[in-house]
Structures are given as C-alpha cells and as structure tokens.
Amino acid sequence: MIYEGPLSKCPFCVTFEETPHHLFLHCIFSWNTWCLILVWWQMLWVCPPSLADLANWWFDNRFRRLERHIWEVTFFAALWSLWLARNDLVFNNVSRSITEVGVGSMP
C-alpha cells in the first residue's frame, strides 16, 4: 500500500487497493495513460503483470540513439506524471485528465 489509512483505495478509480502495480499500471486511468503514450509512439502493447516487466519491455526496445534516449525518458516522465496526478488528487482534490497526464509525459 502506498498510503495506509482511510485513503487506501486507488484515488483514480476508488475501487481497488492502492498498490504500486495498480496505481502505475493496472488502474484503468493509468492503463489508458500508457495507451495514449504508446499510440503516440505507434506501438502496440499488452499490459504486463508488473512494473518490472514493463520496464524490461520498455528498455529492451531497439531504437536509434536519439529515439532511444527520448523513449527511455518518456518511461520515467510517465511514471512521474502519474505520481503528480495522484498527489494532486489526494492532497489538493484536483483531477487531471488522461490526456493531461499522458501528453505531459511525451516529448
């Protein structure tokens, strides 16, 4: 659990327990954010079971040098954008759209 107490449900979907895998990957909000980013990159994907599996897949892709660097930064920018959106919702009661979070992650 990222936060223990009365806010232990995922702030995005308010349905499932807030775990790192759920918050950053399996929540419908996060999943749609990743889909938006990957559509921009013209990539098809299957949602992996864990963040480690996503990272392994992400960093195993073969791009030319500049594209590879941008691709790698996009992974961390997406995680950071999801985290900021989560904190805005939890602490400031401010909701972000999938487009705001996803586009904010892209180069």
PDB file of N, CA and C in Angstrom:
ATOM      1  N   MET A   1       0.828  -1.172   0.000  1.00  0.00           N
ATOM      2  CA  MET A   1       0.000   0.000   0.000  1.00  0.00           C
ATOM      3  C   MET A   1       0.883   1.250   0.000  1.00  0.00           C
ATOM      4  N   ILE A   2       0.571   2.202  -0.819  1.00  0.00           N
ATOM      5  CA  ILE A   2       1.330   3.434  -0.845  1.00  0.00           C
ATOM      6  C   ILE A   2       0.951   4.298   0.341  1.00  0.00           C
ATOM      7  N   TYR A   3      -0.329   4.336   0.660  1.00  0.00           N
ATOM      8  CA  TYR A   3      -0.819   5.135   1.778  1.00  0.00           C
ATOM      9  C   TYR A   3      -1.714   4.248   2.631  1.00  0.00           C
ATOM     10  N   GLU A   4      -1.400   4.115   3.899  1.00  0.00           N
ATOM     11  CA  GLU A   4      -2.223   3.305   4.777  1.00  0.00           C
ATOM     12  C   GLU A   4      -3.200   4.191   5.529  1.00  0.00           C
ATOM     13  N   GLY A   5      -4.413   3.768   5.643  1.00  0.00           N
ATOM     14  CA  GLY A   5      -5.431   4.542   6.332  1.00  0.00           C
ATOM     15  C   GLY A   5      -6.693   4.610   5.515  1.00  0.00           C
ATOM     16  N   PRO A   6      -7.502   5.614   5.760  1.00  0.00           N
ATOM     17  CA  PRO A   6      -8.797   5.696   5.077  1.00  0.00           C
ATOM     18  C   PRO A   6      -8.674   5.932   3.575  1.00  0.00           C
ATOM     19  N   LEU A   7      -7.511   6.318   3.092  1.00  0.00           N
ATOM     20  CA  LEU A   7      -7.337   6.564   1.661  1.00  0.00           C
ATOM     21  C   LEU A   7      -6.597   5.415   0.990  1.00  0.00           C
ATOM     22  N   SER A   8      -6.768   4.186   1.470  1.00  0.00           N
ATOM     23  CA  SER A   8      -6.030   3.063   0.924  1.00  0.00           C
ATOM     24  C   SER A   8      -6.546   2.605  -0.437  1.00  0.00           C
ATOM     25  N   LYS A   9      -7.678   3.130  -0.881  1.00  0.00           N
ATOM     26  CA  LYS A   9      -8.183   2.830  -2.224  1.00  0.00           C
ATOM     27  C   LYS A   9      -7.457   3.707  -3.234  1.00  0.00           C
ATOM     28  N   CYS A  10      -7.307   3.194  -4.428  1.00  0.00           N
ATOM     29  CA  CYS A  10      -6.688   3.960  -5.509  1.00  0.00           C
ATOM     30  C   CYS A  10      -7.460   5.259  -5.703  1.00  0.00           C
ATOM     31  N   PRO A  11      -6.787   6.400  -5.684  1.00  0.00           N
ATOM     32  CA  PRO A  11      -7.505   7.662  -5.844  1.00  0.00           C
ATOM     33  C   PRO A  11      -8.070   7.863  -7.250  1.00  0.00           C
ATOM     34  N   PHE A  12      -7.525   7.177  -8.235  1.00  0.00           N
ATOM     35  CA  PHE A  12      -8.022   7.336  -9.606  1.00  0.00           C
ATOM     36  C   PHE A  12      -9.348   6.601  -9.811  1.00  0.00           C
ATOM     37  N   CYS A  13      -9.402   5.337  -9.424  1.00  0.00           N
ATOM     38  CA  CYS A  13     -10.607   4.541  -9.686  1.00  0.00           C
ATOM     39  C   CYS A  13     -11.469   4.339  -8.445  1.00  0.00           C
ATOM     40  N   VAL A  14     -10.917   4.533  -7.281  1.00  0.00           N
ATOM     41  CA  VAL A  14     -11.589   4.366  -5.991  1.00  0.00           C
ATOM     42  C   VAL A  14     -12.263   2.989  -5.891  1.00  0.00           C
ATOM     43  N   THR A  15     -11.636   2.001  -6.491  1.00  0.00           N
ATOM     44  CA  THR A  15     -12.197   0.658  -6.498  1.00  0.00           C
ATOM     45  C   THR A  15     -11.242  -0.360  -5.884  1.00  0.00           C
ATOM     46  N   PHE A  16      -9.990  -0.288  -6.278  1.00  0.00           N
ATOM     47  CA  PHE A  16      -9.009  -1.283  -5.853  1.00  0.00           C
ATOM     48  C   PHE A  16      -8.018  -0.680  -4.866  1.00  0.00           C
ATOM     49  N   GLU A  17      -7.344  -1.555  -4.130  1.00  0.00           N
ATOM     50  CA  GLU A  17      -6.321  -1.128  -3.189  1.00  0.00           C
ATOM     51  C   GLU A  17      -5.203  -0.399  -3.943  1.00  0.00           C
ATOM     52  N   GLU A  18      -4.676   0.639  -3.323  1.00  0.00           N
ATOM     53  CA  GLU A  18      -3.604   1.417  -3.951  1.00  0.00           C
ATOM     54  C   GLU A  18      -2.268   0.729  -3.716  1.00  0.00           C
ATOM     55  N   THR A  19      -1.864  -0.045  -4.686  1.00  0.00           N
ATOM     56  CA  THR A  19      -0.537  -0.664  -4.688  1.00  0.00           C
ATOM     57  C   THR A  19       0.255  -0.021  -5.815  1.00  0.00           C
ATOM     58  N   PRO A  20       1.572  -0.120  -5.784  1.00  0.00           N
ATOM     59  CA  PRO A  20       2.346   0.454  -6.895  1.00  0.00           C
ATOM     60  C   PRO A  20       1.951  -0.117  -8.263  1.00  0.00           C
ATOM     61  N   HIS A  21       1.757  -1.444  -8.320  1.00  0.00           N
ATOM     62  CA  HIS A  21       1.390  -2.055  -9.609  1.00  0.00           C
ATOM     63  C   HIS A  21       0.025  -1.559 -10.083  1.00  0.00           C
ATOM     64  N   HIS A  22      -0.912  -1.447  -9.164  1.00  0.00           N
ATOM     65  CA  HIS A  22      -2.231  -0.958  -9.567  1.00  0.00           C
ATOM     66  C   HIS A  22      -2.165   0.519  -9.956  1.00  0.00           C
ATOM     67  N   LEU A  23      -1.590   1.335  -9.089  1.00  0.00           N
ATOM     68  CA  LEU A  23      -1.577   2.783  -9.319  1.00  0.00           C
ATOM     69  C   LEU A  23      -0.890   3.153 -10.626  1.00  0.00           C
ATOM     70  N   PHE A  24       0.260   2.562 -10.901  1.00  0.00           N
ATOM     71  CA  PHE A  24       1.064   2.955 -12.055  1.00  0.00           C
ATOM     72  C   PHE A  24       0.809   2.134 -13.316  1.00  0.00           C
ATOM     73  N   LEU A  25       0.028   1.054 -13.204  1.00  0.00           N
ATOM     74  CA  LEU A  25      -0.074   0.170 -14.357  1.00  0.00           C
ATOM     75  C   LEU A  25      -1.475  -0.376 -14.600  1.00  0.00           C
ATOM     76  N   HIS A  26      -2.102  -0.959 -13.590  1.00  0.00           N
ATOM     77  CA  HIS A  26      -3.341  -1.694 -13.807  1.00  0.00           C
ATOM     78  C   HIS A  26      -4.622  -0.890 -13.606  1.00  0.00           C
ATOM     79  N   CYS A  27      -4.539   0.238 -12.942  1.00  0.00           N
ATOM     80  CA  CYS A  27      -5.723   1.092 -12.817  1.00  0.00           C
ATOM     81  C   CYS A  27      -6.152   1.533 -14.223  1.00  0.00           C
ATOM     82  N   ILE A  28      -7.431   1.598 -14.466  1.00  0.00           N
ATOM     83  CA  ILE A  28      -7.923   1.976 -15.797  1.00  0.00           C
ATOM     84  C   ILE A  28      -7.398   3.348 -16.216  1.00  0.00           C
ATOM     85  N   PHE A  29      -7.244   4.260 -15.268  1.00  0.00           N
ATOM     86  CA  PHE A  29      -6.700   5.580 -15.570  1.00  0.00           C
ATOM     87  C   PHE A  29      -5.246   5.467 -16.041  1.00  0.00           C
ATOM     88  N   SER A  30      -4.450   4.725 -15.317  1.00  0.00           N
ATOM     89  CA  SER A  30      -3.038   4.552 -15.675  1.00  0.00           C
ATOM     90  C   SER A  30      -2.899   3.784 -16.983  1.00  0.00           C
ATOM     91  N   TRP A  31      -3.688   2.714 -17.110  1.00  0.00           N
ATOM     92  CA  TRP A  31      -3.629   1.908 -18.315  1.00  0.00           C
ATOM     93  C   TRP A  31      -3.949   2.759 -19.548  1.00  0.00           C
ATOM     94  N   ASN A  32      -4.981   3.588 -19.455  1.00  0.00           N
ATOM     95  CA  ASN A  32      -5.330   4.465 -20.579  1.00  0.00           C
ATOM     96  C   ASN A  32      -4.251   5.523 -20.830  1.00  0.00           C
ATOM     97  N   THR A  33      -3.587   5.966 -19.782  1.00  0.00           N
ATOM     98  CA  THR A  33      -2.482   6.911 -19.957  1.00  0.00           C
ATOM     99  C   THR A  33      -1.350   6.259 -20.737  1.00  0.00           C
ATOM    100  N   TRP A  34      -0.974   5.034 -20.337  1.00  0.00           N
ATOM    101  CA  TRP A  34       0.073   4.316 -21.077  1.00  0.00           C
ATOM    102  C   TRP A  34      -0.351   4.080 -22.525  1.00  0.00           C
ATOM    103  N   CYS A  35      -1.611   3.727 -22.730  1.00  0.00           N
ATOM    104  CA  CYS A  35      -2.106   3.505 -24.107  1.00  0.00           C
ATOM    105  C   CYS A  35      -1.970   4.773 -24.946  1.00  0.00           C
ATOM    106  N   LEU A  36      -2.318   5.917 -24.378  1.00  0.00           N
ATOM    107  CA  LEU A  36      -2.195   7.190 -25.090  1.00  0.00           C
ATOM    108  C   LEU A  36      -0.738   7.441 -25.491  1.00  0.00           C
ATOM    109  N   ILE A  37       0.166   7.215 -24.569  1.00  0.00           N
ATOM    110  CA  ILE A  37       1.589   7.425 -24.846  1.00  0.00           C
ATOM    111  C   ILE A  37       2.057   6.469 -25.938  1.00  0.00           C
ATOM    112  N   LEU A  38       1.667   5.215 -25.838  1.00  0.00           N
ATOM    113  CA  LEU A  38       2.134   4.219 -26.802  1.00  0.00           C
ATOM    114  C   LEU A  38       1.520   4.415 -28.179  1.00  0.00           C
ATOM    115  N   VAL A  39       0.285   4.905 -28.239  1.00  0.00           N
ATOM    116  CA  VAL A  39      -0.310   5.227 -29.543  1.00  0.00           C
ATOM    117  C   VAL A  39       0.504   6.334 -30.209  1.00  0.00           C
ATOM    118  N   TRP A  40       0.915   7.327 -29.422  1.00  0.00           N
ATOM    119  CA  TRP A  40       1.735   8.414 -29.966  1.00  0.00           C
ATOM    120  C   TRP A  40       3.023   7.868 -30.572  1.00  0.00           C
ATOM    121  N   TRP A  41       3.593   6.840 -29.923  1.00  0.00           N
ATOM    122  CA  TRP A  41       4.826   6.209 -30.422  1.00  0.00           C
ATOM    123  C   TRP A  41       4.533   5.158 -31.491  1.00  0.00           C
ATOM    124  N   GLN A  42       3.282   4.947 -31.826  1.00  0.00           N
ATOM    125  CA  GLN A  42       2.840   3.941 -32.788  1.00  0.00           C
ATOM    126  C   GLN A  42       3.289   2.543 -32.360  1.00  0.00           C
ATOM    127  N   MET A  43       3.090   2.266 -31.079  1.00  0.00           N
ATOM    128  CA  MET A  43       3.473   0.972 -30.501  1.00  0.00           C
ATOM    129  C   MET A  43       2.215   0.245 -30.038  1.00  0.00           C
ATOM    130  N   LEU A  44       2.219  -1.058 -30.207  1.00  0.00           N
ATOM    131  CA  LEU A  44       1.175  -1.911 -29.655  1.00  0.00           C
ATOM    132  C   LEU A  44       1.741  -2.575 -28.409  1.00  0.00           C
ATOM    133  N   TRP A  45       0.877  -2.830 -27.434  1.00  0.00           N
ATOM    134  CA  TRP A  45       1.378  -3.456 -26.216  1.00  0.00           C
ATOM    135  C   TRP A  45       0.309  -4.300 -25.566  1.00  0.00           C
ATOM    136  N   VAL A  46       0.746  -5.150 -24.686  1.00  0.00           N
ATOM    137  CA  VAL A  46      -0.120  -5.903 -23.798  1.00  0.00           C
ATOM    138  C   VAL A  46       0.314  -5.501 -22.401  1.00  0.00           C
ATOM    139  N   CYS A  47      -0.628  -5.108 -21.570  1.00  0.00           N
ATOM    140  CA  CYS A  47      -0.311  -4.653 -20.217  1.00  0.00           C
ATOM    141  C   CYS A  47       0.385  -5.776 -19.447  1.00  0.00           C
ATOM    142  N   PRO A  48       1.608  -5.548 -19.010  1.00  0.00           N
ATOM    143  CA  PRO A  48       2.342  -6.590 -18.297  1.00  0.00           C
ATOM    144  C   PRO A  48       1.851  -6.736 -16.849  1.00  0.00           C
ATOM    145  N   PRO A  49       2.221  -7.833 -16.197  1.00  0.00           N
ATOM    146  CA  PRO A  49       1.753  -8.061 -14.830  1.00  0.00           C
ATOM    147  C   PRO A  49       2.423  -7.184 -13.774  1.00  0.00           C
ATOM    148  N   SER A  50       3.584  -6.625 -14.079  1.00  0.00           N
ATOM    149  CA  SER A  50       4.289  -5.844 -13.052  1.00  0.00           C
ATOM    150  C   SER A  50       5.034  -4.669 -13.674  1.00  0.00           C
ATOM    151  N   LEU A  51       5.412  -3.733 -12.828  1.00  0.00           N
ATOM    152  CA  LEU A  51       6.224  -2.600 -13.280  1.00  0.00           C
ATOM    153  C   LEU A  51       7.591  -3.066 -13.760  1.00  0.00           C
ATOM    154  N   ALA A  52       8.138  -4.082 -13.114  1.00  0.00           N
ATOM    155  CA  ALA A  52       9.433  -4.625 -13.541  1.00  0.00           C
ATOM    156  C   ALA A  52       9.334  -5.187 -14.956  1.00  0.00           C
ATOM    157  N   ASP A  53       8.240  -5.885 -15.253  1.00  0.00           N
ATOM    158  CA  ASP A  53       8.046  -6.419 -16.607  1.00  0.00           C
ATOM    159  C   ASP A  53       7.873  -5.292 -17.620  1.00  0.00           C
ATOM    160  N   LEU A  54       7.162  -4.244 -17.236  1.00  0.00           N
ATOM    161  CA  LEU A  54       7.016  -3.094 -18.126  1.00  0.00           C
ATOM    162  C   LEU A  54       8.378  -2.456 -18.391  1.00  0.00           C
ATOM    163  N   ALA A  55       9.162  -2.262 -17.343  1.00  0.00           N
ATOM    164  CA  ALA A  55      10.496  -1.661 -17.506  1.00  0.00           C
ATOM    165  C   ALA A  55      11.382  -2.543 -18.384  1.00  0.00           C
ATOM    166  N   ASN A  56      11.346  -3.859 -18.176  1.00  0.00           N
ATOM    167  CA  ASN A  56      12.152  -4.764 -19.014  1.00  0.00           C
ATOM    168  C   ASN A  56      11.765  -4.648 -20.476  1.00  0.00           C
ATOM    169  N   TRP A  57      10.455  -4.634 -20.744  1.00  0.00           N
ATOM    170  CA  TRP A  57       9.993  -4.492 -22.122  1.00  0.00           C
ATOM    171  C   TRP A  57      10.382  -3.127 -22.672  1.00  0.00           C
ATOM    172  N   TRP A  58      10.178  -2.091 -21.867  1.00  0.00           N
ATOM    173  CA  TRP A  58      10.417  -0.719 -22.310  1.00  0.00           C
ATOM    174  C   TRP A  58      11.875  -0.509 -22.715  1.00  0.00           C
ATOM    175  N   PHE A  59      12.788  -0.973 -21.866  1.00  0.00           N
ATOM    176  CA  PHE A  59      14.207  -0.719 -22.108  1.00  0.00           C
ATOM    177  C   PHE A  59      14.857  -1.739 -23.028  1.00  0.00           C
ATOM    178  N   ASP A  60      14.092  -2.741 -23.458  1.00  0.00           N
ATOM    179  CA  ASP A  60      14.596  -3.728 -24.397  1.00  0.00           C
ATOM    180  C   ASP A  60      14.285  -3.349 -25.842  1.00  0.00           C
ATOM    181  N   ASN A  61      13.521  -2.287 -26.059  1.00  0.00           N
ATOM    182  CA  ASN A  61      13.178  -1.868 -27.415  1.00  0.00           C
ATOM    183  C   ASN A  61      14.392  -1.310 -28.128  1.00  0.00           C
ATOM    184  N   ARG A  62      14.422  -1.541 -29.416  1.00  0.00           N
ATOM    185  CA  ARG A  62      15.565  -1.117 -30.230  1.00  0.00           C
ATOM    186  C   ARG A  62      15.189   0.103 -31.064  1.00  0.00           C
ATOM    187  N   PHE A  63      15.688   1.226 -30.655  1.00  0.00           N
ATOM    188  CA  PHE A  63      15.521   2.466 -31.404  1.00  0.00           C
ATOM    189  C   PHE A  63      16.901   2.985 -31.768  1.00  0.00           C
ATOM    190  N   ARG A  64      16.912   3.895 -32.725  1.00  0.00           N
ATOM    191  CA  ARG A  64      18.162   4.599 -32.991  1.00  0.00           C
ATOM    192  C   ARG A  64      18.510   5.431 -31.768  1.00  0.00           C
ATOM    193  N   ARG A  65      19.718   5.915 -31.691  1.00  0.00           N
ATOM    194  CA  ARG A  65      20.242   6.528 -30.477  1.00  0.00           C
ATOM    195  C   ARG A  65      19.357   7.644 -29.910  1.00  0.00           C
ATOM    196  N   LEU A  66      19.035   8.644 -30.710  1.00  0.00           N
ATOM    197  CA  LEU A  66      18.241   9.762 -30.210  1.00  0.00           C
ATOM    198  C   LEU A  66      16.848   9.298 -29.801  1.00  0.00           C
ATOM    199  N   GLU A  67      16.207   8.494 -30.655  1.00  0.00           N
ATOM    200  CA  GLU A  67      14.879   7.980 -30.324  1.00  0.00           C
ATOM    201  C   GLU A  67      14.915   7.149 -29.049  1.00  0.00           C
ATOM    202  N   ARG A  68      15.969   6.363 -28.870  1.00  0.00           N
ATOM    203  CA  ARG A  68      16.093   5.528 -27.678  1.00  0.00           C
ATOM    204  C   ARG A  68      16.148   6.382 -26.420  1.00  0.00           C
ATOM    205  N   HIS A  69      16.904   7.467 -26.451  1.00  0.00           N
ATOM    206  CA  HIS A  69      17.009   8.346 -25.286  1.00  0.00           C
ATOM    207  C   HIS A  69      15.656   8.987 -24.961  1.00  0.00           C
ATOM    208  N   ILE A  70      14.962   9.439 -25.980  1.00  0.00           N
ATOM    209  CA  ILE A  70      13.646  10.044 -25.766  1.00  0.00           C
ATOM    210  C   ILE A  70      12.666   8.995 -25.239  1.00  0.00           C
ATOM    211  N   TRP A  71      12.703   7.785 -25.810  1.00  0.00           N
ATOM    212  CA  TRP A  71      11.854   6.681 -25.376  1.00  0.00           C
ATOM    213  C   TRP A  71      12.089   6.364 -23.898  1.00  0.00           C
ATOM    214  N   GLU A  72      13.353   6.304 -23.491  1.00  0.00           N
ATOM    215  CA  GLU A  72      13.684   5.978 -22.105  1.00  0.00           C
ATOM    216  C   GLU A  72      13.224   7.077 -21.147  1.00  0.00           C
ATOM    217  N   VAL A  73      13.404   8.326 -21.521  1.00  0.00           N
ATOM    218  CA  VAL A  73      12.946   9.428 -20.677  1.00  0.00           C
ATOM    219  C   VAL A  73      11.424   9.413 -20.561  1.00  0.00           C
ATOM    220  N   THR A  74      10.748   9.045 -21.636  1.00  0.00           N
ATOM    221  CA  THR A  74       9.291   9.001 -21.627  1.00  0.00           C
ATOM    222  C   THR A  74       8.764   8.039 -20.567  1.00  0.00           C
ATOM    223  N   PHE A  75       9.436   6.927 -20.359  1.00  0.00           N
ATOM    224  CA  PHE A  75       9.035   5.957 -19.335  1.00  0.00           C
ATOM    225  C   PHE A  75       9.002   6.618 -17.958  1.00  0.00           C
ATOM    226  N   PHE A  76      10.095   7.296 -17.608  1.00  0.00           N
ATOM    227  CA  PHE A  76      10.172   7.930 -16.293  1.00  0.00           C
ATOM    228  C   PHE A  76       9.236   9.136 -16.189  1.00  0.00           C
ATOM    229  N   ALA A  77       9.085   9.864 -17.291  1.00  0.00           N
ATOM    230  CA  ALA A  77       8.163  11.008 -17.298  1.00  0.00           C
ATOM    231  C   ALA A  77       6.724  10.541 -17.086  1.00  0.00           C
ATOM    232  N   ALA A  78       6.369   9.405 -17.651  1.00  0.00           N
ATOM    233  CA  ALA A  78       5.011   8.869 -17.472  1.00  0.00           C
ATOM    234  C   ALA A  78       4.780   8.487 -16.013  1.00  0.00           C
ATOM    235  N   LEU A  79       5.728   7.788 -15.418  1.00  0.00           N
ATOM    236  CA  LEU A  79       5.583   7.425 -14.008  1.00  0.00           C
ATOM    237  C   LEU A  79       5.480   8.670 -13.129  1.00  0.00           C
ATOM    238  N   TRP A  80       6.321   9.651 -13.409  1.00  0.00           N
ATOM    239  CA  TRP A  80       6.312  10.885 -12.619  1.00  0.00           C
ATOM    240  C   TRP A  80       4.994  11.638 -12.803  1.00  0.00           C
ATOM    241  N   SER A  81       4.501  11.702 -14.022  1.00  0.00           N
ATOM    242  CA  SER A  81       3.230  12.389 -14.293  1.00  0.00           C
ATOM    243  C   SER A  81       2.069  11.703 -13.583  1.00  0.00           C
ATOM    244  N   LEU A  82       2.071  10.374 -13.577  1.00  0.00           N
ATOM    245  CA  LEU A  82       1.031   9.650 -12.844  1.00  0.00           C
ATOM    246  C   LEU A  82       1.124   9.932 -11.353  1.00  0.00           C
ATOM    247  N   TRP A  83       2.339   9.970 -10.823  1.00  0.00           N
ATOM    248  CA  TRP A  83       2.535  10.245  -9.397  1.00  0.00           C
ATOM    249  C   TRP A  83       2.057  11.659  -9.046  1.00  0.00           C
ATOM    250  N   LEU A  84       2.397  12.631  -9.885  1.00  0.00           N
ATOM    251  CA  LEU A  84       1.947  14.006  -9.634  1.00  0.00           C
ATOM    252  C   LEU A  84       0.431  14.119  -9.714  1.00  0.00           C
ATOM    253  N   ALA A  85      -0.171  13.426 -10.670  1.00  0.00           N
ATOM    254  CA  ALA A  85      -1.633  13.442 -10.797  1.00  0.00           C
ATOM    255  C   ALA A  85      -2.275  12.794  -9.577  1.00  0.00           C
ATOM    256  N   ARG A  86      -1.688  11.728  -9.090  1.00  0.00           N
ATOM    257  CA  ARG A  86      -2.183  11.070  -7.878  1.00  0.00           C
ATOM    258  C   ARG A  86      -2.115  12.024  -6.696  1.00  0.00           C
ATOM    259  N   ASN A  87      -0.979  12.686  -6.526  1.00  0.00           N
ATOM    260  CA  ASN A  87      -0.815  13.603  -5.389  1.00  0.00           C
ATOM    261  C   ASN A  87      -1.735  14.811  -5.493  1.00  0.00           C
ATOM    262  N   ASP A  88      -1.936  15.328  -6.696  1.00  0.00           N
ATOM    263  CA  ASP A  88      -2.874  16.438  -6.874  1.00  0.00           C
ATOM    264  C   ASP A  88      -4.281  16.029  -6.443  1.00  0.00           C
ATOM    265  N   LEU A  89      -4.654  14.814  -6.792  1.00  0.00           N
ATOM    266  CA  LEU A  89      -5.979  14.330  -6.441  1.00  0.00           C
ATOM    267  C   LEU A  89      -6.104  14.094  -4.930  1.00  0.00           C
ATOM    268  N   VAL A  90      -5.101  13.464  -4.344  1.00  0.00           N
ATOM    269  CA  VAL A  90      -5.153  13.125  -2.921  1.00  0.00           C
ATOM    270  C   VAL A  90      -5.039  14.365  -2.039  1.00  0.00           C
ATOM    271  N   PHE A  91      -4.092  15.242  -2.335  1.00  0.00           N
ATOM    272  CA  PHE A  91      -3.799  16.349  -1.433  1.00  0.00           C
ATOM    273  C   PHE A  91      -4.495  17.664  -1.788  1.00  0.00           C
ATOM    274  N   ASN A  92      -4.835  17.851  -3.069  1.00  0.00           N
ATOM    275  CA  ASN A  92      -5.436  19.123  -3.498  1.00  0.00           C
ATOM    276  C   ASN A  92      -6.838  18.964  -4.071  1.00  0.00           C
ATOM    277  N   ASN A  93      -7.306  17.712  -4.170  1.00  0.00           N
ATOM    278  CA  ASN A  93      -8.613  17.420  -4.751  1.00  0.00           C
ATOM    279  C   ASN A  93      -8.732  17.954  -6.186  1.00  0.00           C
ATOM    280  N   VAL A  94      -7.632  17.878  -6.916  1.00  0.00           N
ATOM    281  CA  VAL A  94      -7.585  18.334  -8.307  1.00  0.00           C
ATOM    282  C   VAL A  94      -7.444  17.115  -9.213  1.00  0.00           C
ATOM    283  N   SER A  95      -8.407  16.914 -10.093  1.00  0.00           N
ATOM    284  CA  SER A  95      -8.375  15.793 -11.033  1.00  0.00           C
ATOM    285  C   SER A  95      -7.697  16.207 -12.327  1.00  0.00           C
ATOM    286  N   ARG A  96      -6.874  15.334 -12.844  1.00  0.00           N
ATOM    287  CA  ARG A  96      -6.234  15.521 -14.146  1.00  0.00           C
ATOM    288  C   ARG A  96      -6.850  14.537 -15.136  1.00  0.00           C
ATOM    289  N   SER A  97      -6.942  14.939 -16.374  1.00  0.00           N
ATOM    290  CA  SER A  97      -7.456  14.039 -17.400  1.00  0.00           C
ATOM    291  C   SER A  97      -6.320  13.118 -17.873  1.00  0.00           C
ATOM    292  N   ILE A  98      -6.713  12.041 -18.495  1.00  0.00           N
ATOM    293  CA  ILE A  98      -5.727  11.123 -19.072  1.00  0.00           C
ATOM    294  C   ILE A  98      -4.881  11.855 -20.094  1.00  0.00           C
ATOM    295  N   THR A  99      -5.490  12.717 -20.869  1.00  0.00           N
ATOM    296  CA  THR A  99      -4.748  13.491 -21.870  1.00  0.00           C
ATOM    297  C   THR A  99      -3.733  14.401 -21.209  1.00  0.00           C
ATOM    298  N   GLU A 100      -4.115  15.073 -20.139  1.00  0.00           N
ATOM    299  CA  GLU A 100      -3.169  15.952 -19.433  1.00  0.00           C
ATOM    300  C   GLU A 100      -1.971  15.175 -18.908  1.00  0.00           C
ATOM    301  N   VAL A 101      -2.240  14.031 -18.321  1.00  0.00           N
ATOM    302  CA  VAL A 101      -1.155  13.232 -17.756  1.00  0.00           C
ATOM    303  C   VAL A 101      -0.318  12.600 -18.868  1.00  0.00           C
ATOM    304  N   GLY A 102      -0.974  12.018 -19.860  1.00  0.00           N
ATOM    305  CA  GLY A 102      -0.255  11.351 -20.944  1.00  0.00           C
ATOM    306  C   GLY A 102       0.538  12.301 -21.815  1.00  0.00           C
ATOM    307  N   VAL A 103      -0.066  13.385 -22.222  1.00  0.00           N
ATOM    308  CA  VAL A 103       0.625  14.359 -23.083  1.00  0.00           C
ATOM    309  C   VAL A 103       1.754  15.033 -22.311  1.00  0.00           C
ATOM    310  N   GLY A 104       1.570  15.222 -21.001  1.00  0.00           N
ATOM    311  CA  GLY A 104       2.627  15.784 -20.179  1.00  0.00           C
ATOM    312  C   GLY A 104       3.833  14.887 -20.063  1.00  0.00           C
ATOM    313  N   SER A 105       3.685  13.615 -20.442  1.00  0.00           N
ATOM    314  CA  SER A 105       4.775  12.639 -20.377  1.00  0.00           C
ATOM    315  C   SER A 105       5.549  12.534 -21.686  1.00  0.00           C
ATOM    316  N   MET A 106       5.003  13.091 -22.745  1.00  0.00           N
ATOM    317  CA  MET A 106       5.604  12.884 -24.063  1.00  0.00           C
ATOM    318  C   MET A 106       6.530  14.028 -24.442  1.00  0.00           C
ATOM    319  N   PRO A 107       7.513  13.676 -25.275  1.00  0.00           N
ATOM    320  CA  PRO A 107       8.468  14.709 -25.719  1.00  0.00           C
ATOM    321  C   PRO A 107       7.815  15.774 -26.568  1.00  0.00           C
TER     322      PRO A 107
END
